[in-house]
PDB file of N, CA and C in Angstrom:
ATOM      1  N   UNK A   1      -0.637 -32.088 -95.845  1.00  0.00           N
ATOM      2  CA  UNK A   1      -0.550 -30.424 -96.632  1.00  0.00           C
ATOM      3  C   UNK A   1      -1.012 -29.892 -95.396  1.00  0.00           C
ATOM      4  N   UNK A   2      -0.414 -28.583 -95.352  1.00  0.00           N
ATOM      5  CA  UNK A   2      -0.487 -27.247 -94.677  1.00  0.00           C
ATOM      6  C   UNK A   2      -0.852 -26.537 -95.583  1.00  0.00           C
ATOM      7  N   UNK A   3      -1.803 -25.097 -95.127  1.00  0.00           N
ATOM      8  CA  UNK A   3      -1.985 -24.163 -95.733  1.00  0.00           C
ATOM      9  C   UNK A   3      -1.490 -23.085 -95.495  1.00  0.00           C
ATOM     10  N   UNK A   4      -0.897 -22.562 -96.116  1.00  0.00           N
ATOM     11  CA  UNK A   4      -0.138 -20.969 -95.125  1.00  0.00           C
ATOM     12  C   UNK A   4      -0.788 -19.450 -96.039  1.00  0.00           C
ATOM     13  N   UNK A   5      -1.105 -18.908 -95.092  1.00  0.00           N
ATOM     14  CA  UNK A   5      -1.677 -17.525 -96.263  1.00  0.00           C
ATOM     15  C   UNK A   5      -0.927 -16.239 -96.003  1.00  0.00           C
ATOM     16  N   UNK A   6      -0.868 -15.487 -96.784  1.00  0.00           N
ATOM     17  CA  UNK A   6      -0.110 -14.486 -96.719  1.00  0.00           C
ATOM     18  C   UNK A   6      -0.266 -13.757 -95.809  1.00  0.00           C
ATOM     19  N   UNK A   7       0.174 -12.519 -95.235  1.00  0.00           N
ATOM     20  CA  UNK A   7       0.041 -11.828 -93.822  1.00  0.00           C
ATOM     21  C   UNK A   7      -0.127 -10.250 -94.743  1.00  0.00           C
ATOM     22  N   UNK A   8      -1.523  -9.750 -94.840  1.00  0.00           N
ATOM     23  CA  UNK A   8      -1.592  -8.408 -94.867  1.00  0.00           C
ATOM     24  C   UNK A   8      -1.411  -7.183 -94.311  1.00  0.00           C
ATOM     25  N   UNK A   9       0.081  -7.206 -94.183  1.00  0.00           N
ATOM     26  CA  UNK A   9       0.283  -5.707 -93.365  1.00  0.00           C
ATOM     27  C   UNK A   9       1.168  -4.886 -94.446  1.00  0.00           C
ATOM     28  N   UNK A  10       1.244  -3.615 -93.752  1.00  0.00           N
ATOM     29  CA  UNK A  10       2.468  -2.867 -94.156  1.00  0.00           C
ATOM     30  C   UNK A  10       3.864  -3.087 -94.285  1.00  0.00           C
ATOM     31  N   UNK A  11       4.292  -4.072 -92.976  1.00  0.00           N
ATOM     32  CA  UNK A  11       5.215  -4.279 -92.253  1.00  0.00           C
ATOM     33  C   UNK A  11       5.658  -5.568 -93.332  1.00  0.00           C
ATOM     34  N   UNK A  12       4.715  -6.377 -93.745  1.00  0.00           N
ATOM     35  CA  UNK A  12       4.915  -7.553 -94.317  1.00  0.00           C
ATOM     36  C   UNK A  12       5.276  -7.162 -95.940  1.00  0.00           C
ATOM     37  N   UNK A  13       4.553  -6.620 -96.308  1.00  0.00           N
ATOM     38  CA  UNK A  13       4.771  -5.297 -97.483  1.00  0.00           C
ATOM     39  C   UNK A  13       6.281  -5.266 -97.830  1.00  0.00           C
ATOM     40  N   UNK A  14       6.701  -4.115 -96.722  1.00  0.00           N
ATOM     41  CA  UNK A  14       8.022  -4.126 -97.001  1.00  0.00           C
ATOM     42  C   UNK A  14       8.796  -4.984 -97.001  1.00  0.00           C
ATOM     43  N   UNK A  15       8.959  -5.857 -96.515  1.00  0.00           N
ATOM     44  CA  UNK A  15       9.775  -7.304 -96.363  1.00  0.00           C
ATOM     45  C   UNK A  15      10.229  -7.563 -97.495  1.00  0.00           C
ATOM     46  N   UNK A  16       8.753  -7.514 -98.460  1.00  0.00           N
ATOM     47  CA  UNK A  16       9.279  -7.949 -99.975  1.00  0.00           C
ATOM     48  C   UNK A  16      10.013  -7.278-100.727  1.00  0.00           C
ATOM     49  N   UNK A  17      10.517  -6.342-100.082  1.00  0.00           N
ATOM     50  CA  UNK A  17      11.828  -5.318-100.831  1.00  0.00           C
ATOM     51  C   UNK A  17      12.694  -6.245-100.752  1.00  0.00           C
ATOM     52  N   UNK A  18      13.077  -7.222 -99.669  1.00  0.00           N
ATOM     53  CA  UNK A  18      14.152  -7.847 -99.603  1.00  0.00           C
ATOM     54  C   UNK A  18      14.066  -9.124 -99.635  1.00  0.00           C
ATOM     55  N   UNK A  19      12.909  -9.712-100.683  1.00  0.00           N
ATOM     56  CA  UNK A  19      12.399 -10.784-101.505  1.00  0.00           C
ATOM     57  C   UNK A  19      12.510 -12.004 -99.794  1.00  0.00           C
ATOM     58  N   UNK A  20      11.466 -11.497 -98.742  1.00  0.00           N
ATOM     59  CA  UNK A  20      11.146 -12.118 -97.524  1.00  0.00           C
ATOM     60  C   UNK A  20       9.932 -11.625 -97.924  1.00  0.00           C
ATOM     61  N   UNK A  21       8.917 -12.873 -97.547  1.00  0.00           N
ATOM     62  CA  UNK A  21       7.249 -12.755 -97.449  1.00  0.00           C
ATOM     63  C   UNK A  21       6.861 -13.526 -96.087  1.00  0.00           C
ATOM     64  N   UNK A  22       6.155 -12.871 -95.282  1.00  0.00           N
ATOM     65  CA  UNK A  22       5.132 -13.220 -94.406  1.00  0.00           C
ATOM     66  C   UNK A  22       4.103 -13.677 -94.271  1.00  0.00           C
ATOM     67  N   UNK A  23       3.856 -15.383 -93.885  1.00  0.00           N
ATOM     68  CA  UNK A  23       2.640 -16.089 -93.770  1.00  0.00           C
ATOM     69  C   UNK A  23       2.305 -16.295 -92.394  1.00  0.00           C
ATOM     70  N   UNK A  24       0.901 -16.380 -92.273  1.00  0.00           N
ATOM     71  CA  UNK A  24       0.481 -16.854 -91.156  1.00  0.00           C
ATOM     72  C   UNK A  24       0.708 -18.319 -91.592  1.00  0.00           C
ATOM     73  N   UNK A  25       0.822 -19.434 -90.234  1.00  0.00           N
ATOM     74  CA  UNK A  25       1.222 -20.657 -90.189  1.00  0.00           C
ATOM     75  C   UNK A  25       0.628 -21.161 -89.003  1.00  0.00           C
ATOM     76  N   UNK A  26      -0.031 -22.454 -89.148  1.00  0.00           N
ATOM     77  CA  UNK A  26      -0.439 -23.277 -88.309  1.00  0.00           C
ATOM     78  C   UNK A  26       0.551 -23.092 -87.035  1.00  0.00           C
ATOM     79  N   UNK A  27       0.277 -23.818 -85.809  1.00  0.00           N
ATOM     80  CA  UNK A  27       1.013 -23.714 -84.547  1.00  0.00           C
ATOM     81  C   UNK A  27       1.771 -24.761 -84.691  1.00  0.00           C
ATOM     82  N   UNK A  28       1.193 -25.899 -84.999  1.00  0.00           N
ATOM     83  CA  UNK A  28       1.892 -27.074 -84.711  1.00  0.00           C
ATOM     84  C   UNK A  28       2.582 -27.822 -86.384  1.00  0.00           C
ATOM     85  N   UNK A  29       2.629 -26.272 -87.189  1.00  0.00           N
ATOM     86  CA  UNK A  29       3.926 -26.614 -88.495  1.00  0.00           C
ATOM     87  C   UNK A  29       5.383 -26.625 -87.783  1.00  0.00           C
ATOM     88  N   UNK A  30       6.037 -27.029 -88.734  1.00  0.00           N
ATOM     89  CA  UNK A  30       7.314 -27.070 -88.526  1.00  0.00           C
ATOM     90  C   UNK A  30       7.968 -26.183 -89.938  1.00  0.00           C
ATOM     91  N   UNK A  31       9.296 -25.769 -89.664  1.00  0.00           N
ATOM     92  CA  UNK A  31      10.241 -25.108 -90.963  1.00  0.00           C
ATOM     93  C   UNK A  31       9.608 -25.965 -92.385  1.00  0.00           C
ATOM     94  N   UNK A  32      10.165 -27.721 -92.135  1.00  0.00           N
ATOM     95  CA  UNK A  32      10.304 -28.312 -93.209  1.00  0.00           C
ATOM     96  C   UNK A  32       8.758 -28.355 -94.027  1.00  0.00           C
ATOM     97  N   UNK A  33       7.424 -28.118 -93.345  1.00  0.00           N
ATOM     98  CA  UNK A  33       6.524 -28.310 -93.892  1.00  0.00           C
ATOM     99  C   UNK A  33       6.303 -27.331 -94.570  1.00  0.00           C
ATOM    100  N   UNK A  34       6.268 -25.812 -93.337  1.00  0.00           N
ATOM    101  CA  UNK A  34       6.281 -24.603 -93.900  1.00  0.00           C
ATOM    102  C   UNK A  34       6.948 -24.302 -95.317  1.00  0.00           C
ATOM    103  N   UNK A  35       8.007 -24.793 -95.534  1.00  0.00           N
ATOM    104  CA  UNK A  35       9.121 -24.879 -96.343  1.00  0.00           C
ATOM    105  C   UNK A  35       8.101 -25.558 -97.798  1.00  0.00           C
ATOM    106  N   UNK A  36       7.423 -26.437 -97.504  1.00  0.00           N
ATOM    107  CA  UNK A  36       7.211 -27.482 -98.925  1.00  0.00           C
ATOM    108  C   UNK A  36       5.977 -26.933 -98.987  1.00  0.00           C
ATOM    109  N   UNK A  37       5.187 -26.341 -98.157  1.00  0.00           N
ATOM    110  CA  UNK A  37       4.093 -25.544 -98.375  1.00  0.00           C
ATOM    111  C   UNK A  37       3.821 -24.413 -99.362  1.00  0.00           C
ATOM    112  N   UNK A  38       5.009 -23.821 -99.225  1.00  0.00           N
ATOM    113  CA  UNK A  38       5.097 -22.590 -99.858  1.00  0.00           C
ATOM    114  C   UNK A  38       5.785 -23.003-101.298  1.00  0.00           C
ATOM    115  N   UNK A  39       6.549 -23.858-101.385  1.00  0.00           N
ATOM    116  CA  UNK A  39       7.139 -24.395-102.660  1.00  0.00           C
ATOM    117  C   UNK A  39       5.915 -24.868-103.845  1.00  0.00           C
ATOM    118  N   UNK A  40       4.891 -25.695-102.579  1.00  0.00           N
ATOM    119  CA  UNK A  40       4.063 -26.383-103.980  1.00  0.00           C
ATOM    120  C   UNK A  40       3.113 -25.115-103.977  1.00  0.00           C
ATOM    121  N   UNK A  41       2.461 -24.713-103.073  1.00  0.00           N
ATOM    122  CA  UNK A  41       1.592 -23.451-104.028  1.00  0.00           C
ATOM    123  C   UNK A  41       1.792 -21.913-104.693  1.00  0.00           C
ATOM    124  N   UNK A  42       3.046 -21.822-104.313  1.00  0.00           N
ATOM    125  CA  UNK A  42       3.795 -20.574-105.220  1.00  0.00           C
ATOM    126  C   UNK A  42       4.696 -20.925-106.024  1.00  0.00           C
ATOM    127  N   UNK A  43       4.643 -22.096-106.310  1.00  0.00           N
ATOM    128  CA  UNK A  43       6.519 -22.554-107.016  1.00  0.00           C
ATOM    129  C   UNK A  43       7.370 -22.167-107.174  1.00  0.00           C
ATOM    130  N   UNK A  44       7.610 -21.886-106.121  1.00  0.00           N
ATOM    131  CA  UNK A  44       8.999 -20.976-105.959  1.00  0.00           C
ATOM    132  C   UNK A  44      10.044 -21.769-105.003  1.00  0.00           C
ATOM    133  N   UNK A  45      11.346 -21.147-105.054  1.00  0.00           N
ATOM    134  CA  UNK A  45      12.537 -22.220-104.421  1.00  0.00           C
ATOM    135  C   UNK A  45      12.747 -21.087-103.283  1.00  0.00           C
ATOM    136  N   UNK A  46      12.389 -21.981-101.899  1.00  0.00           N
ATOM    137  CA  UNK A  46      12.527 -21.421-100.444  1.00  0.00           C
ATOM    138  C   UNK A  46      14.165 -21.293-100.098  1.00  0.00           C
ATOM    139  N   UNK A  47      14.987 -20.692 -99.898  1.00  0.00           N
ATOM    140  CA  UNK A  47      15.984 -20.399 -99.214  1.00  0.00           C
ATOM    141  C   UNK A  47      16.208 -20.662 -97.675  1.00  0.00           C
ATOM    142  N   UNK A  48      15.302 -19.402 -97.321  1.00  0.00           N
ATOM    143  CA  UNK A  48      15.504 -19.950 -95.413  1.00  0.00           C
ATOM    144  C   UNK A  48      14.228 -19.568 -94.702  1.00  0.00           C
ATOM    145  N   UNK A  49      14.230 -19.746 -93.506  1.00  0.00           N
ATOM    146  CA  UNK A  49      12.641 -19.946 -93.103  1.00  0.00           C
ATOM    147  C   UNK A  49      12.938 -19.332 -91.404  1.00  0.00           C
ATOM    148  N   UNK A  50      12.184 -18.306 -90.604  1.00  0.00           N
ATOM    149  CA  UNK A  50      12.218 -18.051 -89.880  1.00  0.00           C
ATOM    150  C   UNK A  50      10.971 -17.932 -88.936  1.00  0.00           C
ATOM    151  N   UNK A  51      10.720 -18.179 -87.980  1.00  0.00           N
ATOM    152  CA  UNK A  51       9.385 -18.707 -87.538  1.00  0.00           C
ATOM    153  C   UNK A  51       9.304 -18.076 -85.837  1.00  0.00           C
ATOM    154  N   UNK A  52       8.209 -17.385 -85.732  1.00  0.00           N
ATOM    155  CA  UNK A  52       7.928 -16.775 -84.426  1.00  0.00           C
ATOM    156  C   UNK A  52       6.666 -17.282 -84.394  1.00  0.00           C
ATOM    157  N   UNK A  53       6.276 -17.682 -82.213  1.00  0.00           N
ATOM    158  CA  UNK A  53       5.048 -17.750 -82.023  1.00  0.00           C
ATOM    159  C   UNK A  53       4.764 -16.302 -80.950  1.00  0.00           C
ATOM    160  N   UNK A  54       3.655 -15.896 -81.373  1.00  0.00           N
ATOM    161  CA  UNK A  54       3.175 -14.508 -81.183  1.00  0.00           C
ATOM    162  C   UNK A  54       2.195 -15.064 -80.036  1.00  0.00           C
ATOM    163  N   UNK A  55       2.561 -14.904 -78.443  1.00  0.00           N
ATOM    164  CA  UNK A  55       1.366 -15.282 -77.634  1.00  0.00           C
ATOM    165  C   UNK A  55       0.070 -14.059 -77.604  1.00  0.00           C
ATOM    166  N   UNK A  56      -1.069 -14.885 -77.270  1.00  0.00           N
ATOM    167  CA  UNK A  56      -2.113 -14.123 -77.443  1.00  0.00           C
ATOM    168  C   UNK A  56      -2.569 -13.174 -76.090  1.00  0.00           C
ATOM    169  N   UNK A  57      -2.903 -12.031 -76.759  1.00  0.00           N
ATOM    170  CA  UNK A  57      -2.671 -11.131 -75.743  1.00  0.00           C
ATOM    171  C   UNK A  57      -3.648 -11.079 -74.940  1.00  0.00           C
ATOM    172  N   UNK A  58      -3.727 -10.421 -73.452  1.00  0.00           N
ATOM    173  CA  UNK A  58      -4.597 -10.966 -72.083  1.00  0.00           C
ATOM    174  C   UNK A  58      -5.883  -9.881 -72.599  1.00  0.00           C
ATOM    175  N   UNK A  59      -7.034 -10.012 -72.174  1.00  0.00           N
ATOM    176  CA  UNK A  59      -8.252  -9.225 -72.523  1.00  0.00           C
ATOM    177  C   UNK A  59      -9.503  -9.404 -71.353  1.00  0.00           C
ATOM    178  N   UNK A  60      -9.098  -8.407 -70.380  1.00  0.00           N
ATOM    179  CA  UNK A  60     -10.473  -8.380 -69.359  1.00  0.00           C
ATOM    180  C   UNK A  60     -11.740  -7.988 -69.705  1.00  0.00           C
ATOM    181  N   UNK A  61     -12.676  -8.417 -68.767  1.00  0.00           N
ATOM    182  CA  UNK A  61     -13.549  -8.727 -69.279  1.00  0.00           C
ATOM    183  C   UNK A  61     -14.444  -8.560 -67.994  1.00  0.00           C
ATOM    184  N   UNK A  62     -15.688  -8.346 -67.731  1.00  0.00           N
ATOM    185  CA  UNK A  62     -16.762  -7.642 -66.926  1.00  0.00           C
ATOM    186  C   UNK A  62     -17.459  -9.166 -66.125  1.00  0.00           C
ATOM    187  N   UNK A  63     -17.705  -9.215 -65.232  1.00  0.00           N
ATOM    188  CA  UNK A  63     -18.460 -10.142 -64.529  1.00  0.00           C
ATOM    189  C   UNK A  63     -20.126  -9.664 -64.161  1.00  0.00           C
ATOM    190  N   UNK A  64     -19.746  -8.852 -64.095  1.00  0.00           N
ATOM    191  CA  UNK A  64     -20.812  -7.757 -63.244  1.00  0.00           C
ATOM    192  C   UNK A  64     -20.801  -6.617 -62.151  1.00  0.00           C
ATOM    193  N   UNK A  65     -21.363  -6.062 -62.128  1.00  0.00           N
ATOM    194  CA  UNK A  65     -21.135  -4.841 -61.302  1.00  0.00           C
ATOM    195  C   UNK A  65     -20.035  -4.604 -60.283  1.00  0.00           C
ATOM    196  N   UNK A  66     -20.437  -5.865 -58.916  1.00  0.00           N
ATOM    197  CA  UNK A  66     -19.628  -6.337 -58.104  1.00  0.00           C
ATOM    198  C   UNK A  66     -18.561  -7.100 -57.933  1.00  0.00           C
ATOM    199  N   UNK A  67     -18.094  -7.973 -59.290  1.00  0.00           N
ATOM    200  CA  UNK A  67     -17.211  -8.534 -59.411  1.00  0.00           C
ATOM    201  C   UNK A  67     -16.265  -7.934 -59.737  1.00  0.00           C
ATOM    202  N   UNK A  68     -15.007  -8.695 -59.259  1.00  0.00           N
ATOM    203  CA  UNK A  68     -13.496  -8.124 -59.844  1.00  0.00           C
ATOM    204  C   UNK A  68     -14.067  -9.027 -61.376  1.00  0.00           C
ATOM    205  N   UNK A  69     -13.281  -7.919 -62.331  1.00  0.00           N
ATOM    206  CA  UNK A  69     -13.021  -8.427 -63.844  1.00  0.00           C
ATOM    207  C   UNK A  69     -12.489  -9.654 -64.127  1.00  0.00           C
ATOM    208  N   UNK A  70     -12.449 -10.374 -65.055  1.00  0.00           N
ATOM    209  CA  UNK A  70     -12.165 -11.753 -65.845  1.00  0.00           C
ATOM    210  C   UNK A  70     -11.335 -11.383 -66.265  1.00  0.00           C
ATOM    211  N   UNK A  71      -9.974 -12.236 -66.653  1.00  0.00           N
ATOM    212  CA  UNK A  71      -9.377 -12.075 -67.895  1.00  0.00           C
ATOM    213  C   UNK A  71      -9.309 -13.413 -68.811  1.00  0.00           C
ATOM    214  N   UNK A  72      -9.110 -13.168 -69.905  1.00  0.00           N
ATOM    215  CA  UNK A  72      -9.235 -14.327 -70.791  1.00  0.00           C
ATOM    216  C   UNK A  72      -7.845 -14.116 -71.743  1.00  0.00           C
ATOM    217  N   UNK A  73      -7.773 -14.872 -72.555  1.00  0.00           N
ATOM    218  CA  UNK A  73      -6.634 -14.786 -73.205  1.00  0.00           C
ATOM    219  C   UNK A  73      -6.804 -15.292 -74.966  1.00  0.00           C
ATOM    220  N   UNK A  74      -6.489 -14.098 -75.837  1.00  0.00           N
ATOM    221  CA  UNK A  74      -6.581 -14.721 -77.503  1.00  0.00           C
ATOM    222  C   UNK A  74      -5.791 -15.872 -77.741  1.00  0.00           C
ATOM    223  N   UNK A  75      -5.681 -16.163 -79.162  1.00  0.00           N
ATOM    224  CA  UNK A  75      -5.089 -17.427 -79.763  1.00  0.00           C
ATOM    225  C   UNK A  75      -4.062 -17.211 -79.886  1.00  0.00           C
ATOM    226  N   UNK A  76      -3.115 -17.882 -79.608  1.00  0.00           N
ATOM    227  CA  UNK A  76      -1.683 -17.505 -79.952  1.00  0.00           C
ATOM    228  C   UNK A  76      -1.866 -17.831 -81.499  1.00  0.00           C
ATOM    229  N   UNK A  77      -0.574 -17.393 -82.278  1.00  0.00           N
ATOM    230  CA  UNK A  77      -0.752 -17.034 -83.549  1.00  0.00           C
ATOM    231  C   UNK A  77       0.994 -17.535 -84.183  1.00  0.00           C
ATOM    232  N   UNK A  78       1.287 -17.678 -84.880  1.00  0.00           N
ATOM    233  CA  UNK A  78       2.263 -18.206 -85.627  1.00  0.00           C
ATOM    234  C   UNK A  78       3.084 -17.660 -87.081  1.00  0.00           C
ATOM    235  N   UNK A  79       3.739 -17.333 -87.180  1.00  0.00           N
ATOM    236  CA  UNK A  79       4.432 -16.353 -88.167  1.00  0.00           C
ATOM    237  C   UNK A  79       5.550 -16.994 -88.789  1.00  0.00           C
ATOM    238  N   UNK A  80       5.745 -17.014 -90.397  1.00  0.00           N
ATOM    239  CA  UNK A  80       6.757 -17.515 -90.788  1.00  0.00           C
ATOM    240  C   UNK A  80       7.492 -16.412 -91.698  1.00  0.00           C
ATOM    241  N   UNK A  81       8.260 -16.255 -91.347  1.00  0.00           N
ATOM    242  CA  UNK A  81       9.357 -15.337 -92.357  1.00  0.00           C
ATOM    243  C   UNK A  81       9.874 -16.354 -93.520  1.00  0.00           C
ATOM    244  N   UNK A  82       9.522 -16.038 -94.744  1.00  0.00           N
ATOM    245  CA  UNK A  82      10.241 -16.847 -95.953  1.00  0.00           C
ATOM    246  C   UNK A  82      11.007 -15.843 -96.492  1.00  0.00           C
ATOM    247  N   UNK A  83      12.423 -16.653 -96.742  1.00  0.00           N
ATOM    248  CA  UNK A  83      13.458 -15.815 -97.662  1.00  0.00           C
ATOM    249  C   UNK A  83      13.438 -16.986 -99.081  1.00  0.00           C
ATOM    250  N   UNK A  84      13.501 -15.981-100.172  1.00  0.00           N
ATOM    251  CA  UNK A  84      13.190 -17.074-101.338  1.00  0.00           C
ATOM    252  C   UNK A  84      14.490 -16.825-102.025  1.00  0.00           C
ATOM    253  N   UNK A  85      14.854 -17.954-102.781  1.00  0.00           N
ATOM    254  CA  UNK A  85      15.602 -17.658-103.879  1.00  0.00           C
ATOM    255  C   UNK A  85      16.067 -16.505-104.435  1.00  0.00           C
ATOM    256  N   UNK A  86      17.362 -16.122-105.251  1.00  0.00           N
ATOM    257  CA  UNK A  86      17.203 -15.242-106.170  1.00  0.00           C
ATOM    258  C   UNK A  86      16.904 -15.481-107.302  1.00  0.00           C
ATOM    259  N   UNK A  87      16.057 -14.855-107.622  1.00  0.00           N
ATOM    260  CA  UNK A  87      15.152 -14.642-109.295  1.00  0.00           C
ATOM    261  C   UNK A  87      13.746 -15.382-108.889  1.00  0.00           C
ATOM    262  N   UNK A  88      13.712 -15.672-107.246  1.00  0.00           N
ATOM    263  CA  UNK A  88      11.986 -15.991-106.787  1.00  0.00           C
ATOM    264  C   UNK A  88      11.220 -14.734-106.640  1.00  0.00           C
ATOM    265  N   UNK A  89       9.996 -14.954-107.017  1.00  0.00           N
ATOM    266  CA  UNK A  89       8.897 -14.107-106.061  1.00  0.00           C
ATOM    267  C   UNK A  89       7.836 -14.713-106.296  1.00  0.00           C
ATOM    268  N   UNK A  90       6.848 -14.030-105.572  1.00  0.00           N
ATOM    269  CA  UNK A  90       5.627 -14.433-105.267  1.00  0.00           C
ATOM    270  C   UNK A  90       4.499 -12.963-105.554  1.00  0.00           C
ATOM    271  N   UNK A  91       3.863 -13.065-106.217  1.00  0.00           N
ATOM    272  CA  UNK A  91       2.901 -12.126-106.707  1.00  0.00           C
ATOM    273  C   UNK A  91       1.676 -11.815-105.892  1.00  0.00           C
ATOM    274  N   UNK A  92       1.801 -11.456-104.616  1.00  0.00           N
ATOM    275  CA  UNK A  92       1.150 -11.421-103.733  1.00  0.00           C
ATOM    276  C   UNK A  92       0.326  -9.676-103.606  1.00  0.00           C
ATOM    277  N   UNK A  93       1.096  -8.713-103.671  1.00  0.00           N
ATOM    278  CA  UNK A  93       0.574  -7.539-103.416  1.00  0.00           C
ATOM    279  C   UNK A  93       0.653  -6.837-104.663  1.00  0.00           C
ATOM    280  N   UNK A  94       0.900  -7.512-106.016  1.00  0.00           N
ATOM    281  CA  UNK A  94       1.146  -6.715-107.178  1.00  0.00           C
ATOM    282  C   UNK A  94      -0.116  -6.088-107.715  1.00  0.00           C
ATOM    283  N   UNK A  95      -1.351  -6.543-107.022  1.00  0.00           N
ATOM    284  CA  UNK A  95      -2.786  -6.295-107.500  1.00  0.00           C
ATOM    285  C   UNK A  95      -2.691  -5.167-107.216  1.00  0.00           C
ATOM    286  N   UNK A  96      -2.131  -4.867-105.828  1.00  0.00           N
ATOM    287  CA  UNK A  96      -2.428  -3.640-105.430  1.00  0.00           C
ATOM    288  C   UNK A  96      -1.669  -2.302-105.445  1.00  0.00           C
ATOM    289  N   UNK A  97      -0.323  -3.016-106.256  1.00  0.00           N
ATOM    290  CA  UNK A  97       0.674  -2.017-106.756  1.00  0.00           C
ATOM    291  C   UNK A  97      -0.357  -1.358-107.940  1.00  0.00           C
ATOM    292  N   UNK A  98      -0.727  -2.194-109.103  1.00  0.00           N
ATOM    293  CA  UNK A  98      -1.334  -2.053-110.202  1.00  0.00           C
ATOM    294  C   UNK A  98      -2.600  -0.953-109.688  1.00  0.00           C
ATOM    295  N   UNK A  99      -3.407  -1.194-108.844  1.00  0.00           N
ATOM    296  CA  UNK A  99      -4.553  -0.303-108.382  1.00  0.00           C
ATOM    297  C   UNK A  99      -4.195   1.140-107.803  1.00  0.00           C
ATOM    298  N   UNK A 100      -2.817   0.921-107.269  1.00  0.00           N
ATOM    299  CA  UNK A 100      -2.197   2.445-106.711  1.00  0.00           C
ATOM    300  C   UNK A 100      -1.727   3.387-108.347  1.00  0.00           C
ATOM    301  N   UNK A 101      -1.537   2.463-108.764  1.00  0.00           N
ATOM    302  CA  UNK A 101      -1.229   3.446-110.099  1.00  0.00           C
ATOM    303  C   UNK A 101      -2.272   3.682-111.169  1.00  0.00           C
ATOM    304  N   UNK A 102      -3.301   2.737-110.979  1.00  0.00           N
ATOM    305  CA  UNK A 102      -4.444   3.408-111.921  1.00  0.00           C
ATOM    306  C   UNK A 102      -5.280   4.503-111.457  1.00  0.00           C
ATOM    307  N   UNK A 103      -5.098   4.721-110.163  1.00  0.00           N
ATOM    308  CA  UNK A 103      -5.394   5.989-109.301  1.00  0.00           C
ATOM    309  C   UNK A 103      -5.169   6.893-109.679  1.00  0.00           C
ATOM    310  N   UNK A 104      -3.843   6.865-109.702  1.00  0.00           N
ATOM    311  CA  UNK A 104      -2.678   8.265-109.816  1.00  0.00           C
ATOM    312  C   UNK A 104      -3.187   8.810-111.274  1.00  0.00           C
TER     313      UNK A 104
END
């Protein structure tokens, strides 16, 4: 069983209006495993999944005053865009909406 975590970004929040939710998933997870994990963790019916692997950024660092700076790379990450069936939804960002209404 893999663990999927929701991605708390503005873009991911905007995708929820089209009934699509964005999750961070392990690099070795396939679409079937992701579908099973989302279904079991959130009790919803998954309609479709799109995945992408984001390559780690190159980061330069200094090795000293007179040496050429080295380059290392951040870790790769994998995202899954999960589209749910009609009538299904996940209450991920509902707490944020309630807090905004209370502030007003």
